[in-house]
Amino acid sequence: MESVPFNEYLKQLKTDTVYFVLGRILDTHEDYQYEKDYSKLIIERPQIFDDAIGYRVACKSIEQMISTNRRNATVRQAEGAYQALKIELEGLKVDGDVRSVGIKSDLRNAIRKAQKVIFPKRIIIDNAKIW
């Protein structure tokens, strides 16, 4: 693959990943307010997105290796490791016991971690009488 198209592919992967991660962090949280501008928080604390972005790129890369139609030595080697790649991506349960959590689980946890920073727990005051 030529370096220019490959660099364009990587740039597009990064852009798509950032949109995906921001969407998952913001749009899926119950406290997300569509009309609120989160730009300042995102710009001032970009590190809260690092793990989620990294795990998403890893997921997309493994999915690409699993589903590629290319036929070369690297792909043939990857075909031999298909099951290992799926376990790395999805994790592994044996008889209900988790043996490996997988990168997708790590991605979900990274998204939850970022959500806790952006949407800290609200203190709810309940006036109900306890006694």
C-alpha atoms as a PDB file:
ATOM      1  CA  MET A   1       0.000   0.000   0.000  1.00  0.00           C
ATOM      2  CA  GLU A   2       1.362   3.401  -0.903  1.00  0.00           C
ATOM      3  CA  SER A   3       2.115   5.720   2.005  1.00  0.00           C
ATOM      4  CA  VAL A   4      -0.228   8.548   0.896  1.00  0.00           C
ATOM      5  CA  PRO A   5      -3.405   6.409   0.687  1.00  0.00           C
ATOM      6  CA  PHE A   6      -2.394   4.605   3.878  1.00  0.00           C
ATOM      7  CA  ASN A   7      -1.895   7.914   5.699  1.00  0.00           C
ATOM      8  CA  GLU A   8      -5.299   9.051   4.437  1.00  0.00           C
ATOM      9  CA  TYR A   9      -6.790   5.796   5.701  1.00  0.00           C
ATOM     10  CA  LEU A  10      -5.206   6.340   9.134  1.00  0.00           C
ATOM     11  CA  LYS A  11      -6.445   9.929   9.250  1.00  0.00           C
ATOM     12  CA  GLN A  12      -9.969   8.783   8.397  1.00  0.00           C
ATOM     13  CA  LEU A  13      -9.745   6.004  10.998  1.00  0.00           C
ATOM     14  CA  LYS A  14      -8.757   8.554  13.632  1.00  0.00           C
ATOM     15  CA  THR A  15     -11.571  10.926  12.658  1.00  0.00           C
ATOM     16  CA  ASP A  16     -14.175   8.140  12.628  1.00  0.00           C
ATOM     17  CA  THR A  17     -12.908   6.862  15.961  1.00  0.00           C
ATOM     18  CA  VAL A  18     -13.113  10.262  17.640  1.00  0.00           C
ATOM     19  CA  TYR A  19     -16.685  10.756  16.380  1.00  0.00           C
ATOM     20  CA  PHE A  20     -17.620   7.272  17.577  1.00  0.00           C
ATOM     21  CA  VAL A  21     -16.104   7.770  21.034  1.00  0.00           C
ATOM     22  CA  LEU A  22     -17.614  11.229  21.529  1.00  0.00           C
ATOM     23  CA  GLY A  23     -20.978   9.908  20.430  1.00  0.00           C
ATOM     24  CA  ARG A  24     -20.819   6.982  22.824  1.00  0.00           C
ATOM     25  CA  ILE A  25     -19.635   9.103  25.724  1.00  0.00           C
ATOM     26  CA  LEU A  26     -22.068  11.963  25.245  1.00  0.00           C
ATOM     27  CA  ASP A  27     -25.143  10.687  23.421  1.00  0.00           C
ATOM     28  CA  THR A  28     -25.582   7.523  25.465  1.00  0.00           C
ATOM     29  CA  HIS A  29     -25.403   9.178  28.886  1.00  0.00           C
ATOM     30  CA  GLU A  30     -28.647   9.999  30.661  1.00  0.00           C
ATOM     31  CA  ASP A  31     -27.428  13.442  31.737  1.00  0.00           C
ATOM     32  CA  TYR A  32     -26.381  14.546  28.235  1.00  0.00           C
ATOM     33  CA  GLN A  33     -28.017  17.836  27.268  1.00  0.00           C
ATOM     34  CA  TYR A  34     -28.170  18.331  23.510  1.00  0.00           C
ATOM     35  CA  GLU A  35     -28.282  22.108  23.759  1.00  0.00           C
ATOM     36  CA  LYS A  36     -25.269  22.340  26.091  1.00  0.00           C
ATOM     37  CA  ASP A  37     -21.836  23.073  24.596  1.00  0.00           C
ATOM     38  CA  TYR A  38     -19.252  20.582  25.857  1.00  0.00           C
ATOM     39  CA  SER A  39     -16.435  21.966  23.673  1.00  0.00           C
ATOM     40  CA  LYS A  40     -14.498  23.653  26.489  1.00  0.00           C
ATOM     41  CA  LEU A  41     -14.432  20.511  28.618  1.00  0.00           C
ATOM     42  CA  ILE A  42     -13.382  18.373  25.637  1.00  0.00           C
ATOM     43  CA  ILE A  43     -10.581  20.774  24.659  1.00  0.00           C
ATOM     44  CA  GLU A  44      -9.294  21.255  28.212  1.00  0.00           C
ATOM     45  CA  ARG A  45      -9.276  17.541  29.123  1.00  0.00           C
ATOM     46  CA  PRO A  46      -8.488  15.546  25.986  1.00  0.00           C
ATOM     47  CA  GLN A  47      -6.714  12.870  28.021  1.00  0.00           C
ATOM     48  CA  ILE A  48     -10.039  11.516  29.302  1.00  0.00           C
ATOM     49  CA  PHE A  49     -10.676  10.210  25.787  1.00  0.00           C
ATOM     50  CA  ASP A  50      -7.282   8.551  25.244  1.00  0.00           C
ATOM     51  CA  ASP A  51      -8.164   5.075  26.503  1.00  0.00           C
ATOM     52  CA  ALA A  52     -11.497   4.913  24.680  1.00  0.00           C
ATOM     53  CA  ILE A  53      -9.921   6.112  21.429  1.00  0.00           C
ATOM     54  CA  GLY A  54      -7.066   3.610  21.762  1.00  0.00           C
ATOM     55  CA  TYR A  55      -9.383   0.680  22.460  1.00  0.00           C
ATOM     56  CA  ARG A  56     -11.657   1.662  19.570  1.00  0.00           C
ATOM     57  CA  VAL A  57      -8.705   1.776  17.152  1.00  0.00           C
ATOM     58  CA  ALA A  58      -7.593  -1.630  18.440  1.00  0.00           C
ATOM     59  CA  CYS A  59     -11.106  -3.036  17.928  1.00  0.00           C
ATOM     60  CA  LYS A  60     -11.341  -1.649  14.404  1.00  0.00           C
ATOM     61  CA  SER A  61      -7.882  -2.984  13.545  1.00  0.00           C
ATOM     62  CA  ILE A  62      -8.699  -6.496  14.754  1.00  0.00           C
ATOM     63  CA  GLU A  63     -12.078  -6.406  12.993  1.00  0.00           C
ATOM     64  CA  GLN A  64     -10.279  -5.359   9.814  1.00  0.00           C
ATOM     65  CA  MET A  65      -7.845  -8.273  10.125  1.00  0.00           C
ATOM     66  CA  ILE A  66     -10.689 -10.719  10.724  1.00  0.00           C
ATOM     67  CA  SER A  67     -12.888  -9.535   7.865  1.00  0.00           C
ATOM     68  CA  THR A  68     -10.387  -8.565   5.163  1.00  0.00           C
ATOM     69  CA  ASN A  69     -10.687 -10.073   1.697  1.00  0.00           C
ATOM     70  CA  ARG A  70      -6.994  -9.509   0.923  1.00  0.00           C
ATOM     71  CA  ARG A  71      -4.988 -12.612   0.191  1.00  0.00           C
ATOM     72  CA  ASN A  72      -1.368 -12.381   1.234  1.00  0.00           C
ATOM     73  CA  ALA A  73       0.956 -14.082   3.680  1.00  0.00           C
ATOM     74  CA  THR A  74      -0.080 -11.823   6.539  1.00  0.00           C
ATOM     75  CA  VAL A  75      -3.762 -12.586   5.987  1.00  0.00           C
ATOM     76  CA  ARG A  76      -3.121 -16.314   5.786  1.00  0.00           C
ATOM     77  CA  GLN A  77      -1.293 -16.125   9.100  1.00  0.00           C
ATOM     78  CA  ALA A  78      -4.173 -14.113  10.582  1.00  0.00           C
ATOM     79  CA  GLU A  79      -6.643 -16.757   9.405  1.00  0.00           C
ATOM     80  CA  GLY A  80      -4.759 -19.261  11.505  1.00  0.00           C
ATOM     81  CA  ALA A  81      -5.135 -16.948  14.469  1.00  0.00           C
ATOM     82  CA  TYR A  82      -8.814 -16.094  13.847  1.00  0.00           C
ATOM     83  CA  GLN A  83     -10.024 -17.605  17.111  1.00  0.00           C
ATOM     84  CA  ALA A  84      -7.310 -15.836  19.097  1.00  0.00           C
ATOM     85  CA  LEU A  85      -8.263 -12.521  17.484  1.00  0.00           C
ATOM     86  CA  LYS A  86     -11.946 -13.064  18.300  1.00  0.00           C
ATOM     87  CA  ILE A  87     -11.067 -13.812  21.921  1.00  0.00           C
ATOM     88  CA  GLU A  88      -8.876 -10.708  22.067  1.00  0.00           C
ATOM     89  CA  LEU A  89     -11.771  -8.676  20.706  1.00  0.00           C
ATOM     90  CA  GLU A  90     -14.800 -10.237  22.430  1.00  0.00           C
ATOM     91  CA  GLY A  91     -13.317 -11.998  25.423  1.00  0.00           C
ATOM     92  CA  LEU A  92     -13.937 -15.576  26.493  1.00  0.00           C
ATOM     93  CA  LYS A  93     -16.422 -17.237  28.839  1.00  0.00           C
ATOM     94  CA  VAL A  94     -16.192 -20.898  29.738  1.00  0.00           C
ATOM     95  CA  ASP A  95     -19.145 -22.398  31.598  1.00  0.00           C
ATOM     96  CA  GLY A  96     -20.175 -18.907  32.703  1.00  0.00           C
ATOM     97  CA  ASP A  97     -16.719 -18.030  34.028  1.00  0.00           C
ATOM     98  CA  VAL A  98     -14.980 -15.068  32.401  1.00  0.00           C
ATOM     99  CA  ARG A  99     -11.537 -16.158  31.263  1.00  0.00           C
ATOM    100  CA  SER A 100     -10.732 -13.039  29.237  1.00  0.00           C
ATOM    101  CA  VAL A 101     -12.663  -9.756  29.094  1.00  0.00           C
ATOM    102  CA  GLY A 102     -11.625  -8.618  25.615  1.00  0.00           C
ATOM    103  CA  ILE A 103     -10.885  -5.209  24.160  1.00  0.00           C
ATOM    104  CA  LYS A 104     -14.560  -4.369  23.610  1.00  0.00           C
ATOM    105  CA  SER A 105     -15.088  -4.660  27.357  1.00  0.00           C
ATOM    106  CA  ASP A 106     -12.095  -2.402  27.943  1.00  0.00           C
ATOM    107  CA  LEU A 107     -13.636   0.086  25.483  1.00  0.00           C
ATOM    108  CA  ARG A 108     -16.951   0.089  27.374  1.00  0.00           C
ATOM    109  CA  ASN A 109     -15.099   0.659  30.662  1.00  0.00           C
ATOM    110  CA  ALA A 110     -13.060   3.524  29.161  1.00  0.00           C
ATOM    111  CA  ILE A 111     -16.275   5.150  27.930  1.00  0.00           C
ATOM    112  CA  ARG A 112     -17.855   4.832  31.392  1.00  0.00           C
ATOM    113  CA  LYS A 113     -14.712   6.316  32.967  1.00  0.00           C
ATOM    114  CA  ALA A 114     -14.841   9.341  30.641  1.00  0.00           C
ATOM    115  CA  GLN A 115     -18.573   9.724  31.314  1.00  0.00           C
ATOM    116  CA  LYS A 116     -17.881   9.924  35.047  1.00  0.00           C
ATOM    117  CA  VAL A 117     -15.572  12.879  34.412  1.00  0.00           C
ATOM    118  CA  ILE A 118     -17.952  14.691  32.075  1.00  0.00           C
ATOM    119  CA  PHE A 119     -21.119  13.811  33.982  1.00  0.00           C
ATOM    120  CA  PRO A 120     -20.244  13.577  37.686  1.00  0.00           C
ATOM    121  CA  LYS A 121     -22.872  12.046  39.924  1.00  0.00           C
ATOM    122  CA  ARG A 122     -25.559  14.489  40.848  1.00  0.00           C
ATOM    123  CA  ILE A 123     -26.432  14.819  44.492  1.00  0.00           C
ATOM    124  CA  ILE A 124     -30.118  14.092  44.889  1.00  0.00           C
ATOM    125  CA  ILE A 125     -31.820  15.501  47.934  1.00  0.00           C
ATOM    126  CA  ASP A 126     -34.925  13.626  48.877  1.00  0.00           C
ATOM    127  CA  ASN A 127     -37.263  15.297  51.332  1.00  0.00           C
ATOM    128  CA  ALA A 128     -39.057  12.084  52.151  1.00  0.00           C
ATOM    129  CA  LYS A 129     -39.273  11.322  55.835  1.00  0.00           C
ATOM    130  CA  ILE A 130     -37.206   8.319  56.788  1.00  0.00           C
ATOM    131  CA  TRP A 131     -38.939   7.563  60.066  1.00  0.00           C
END
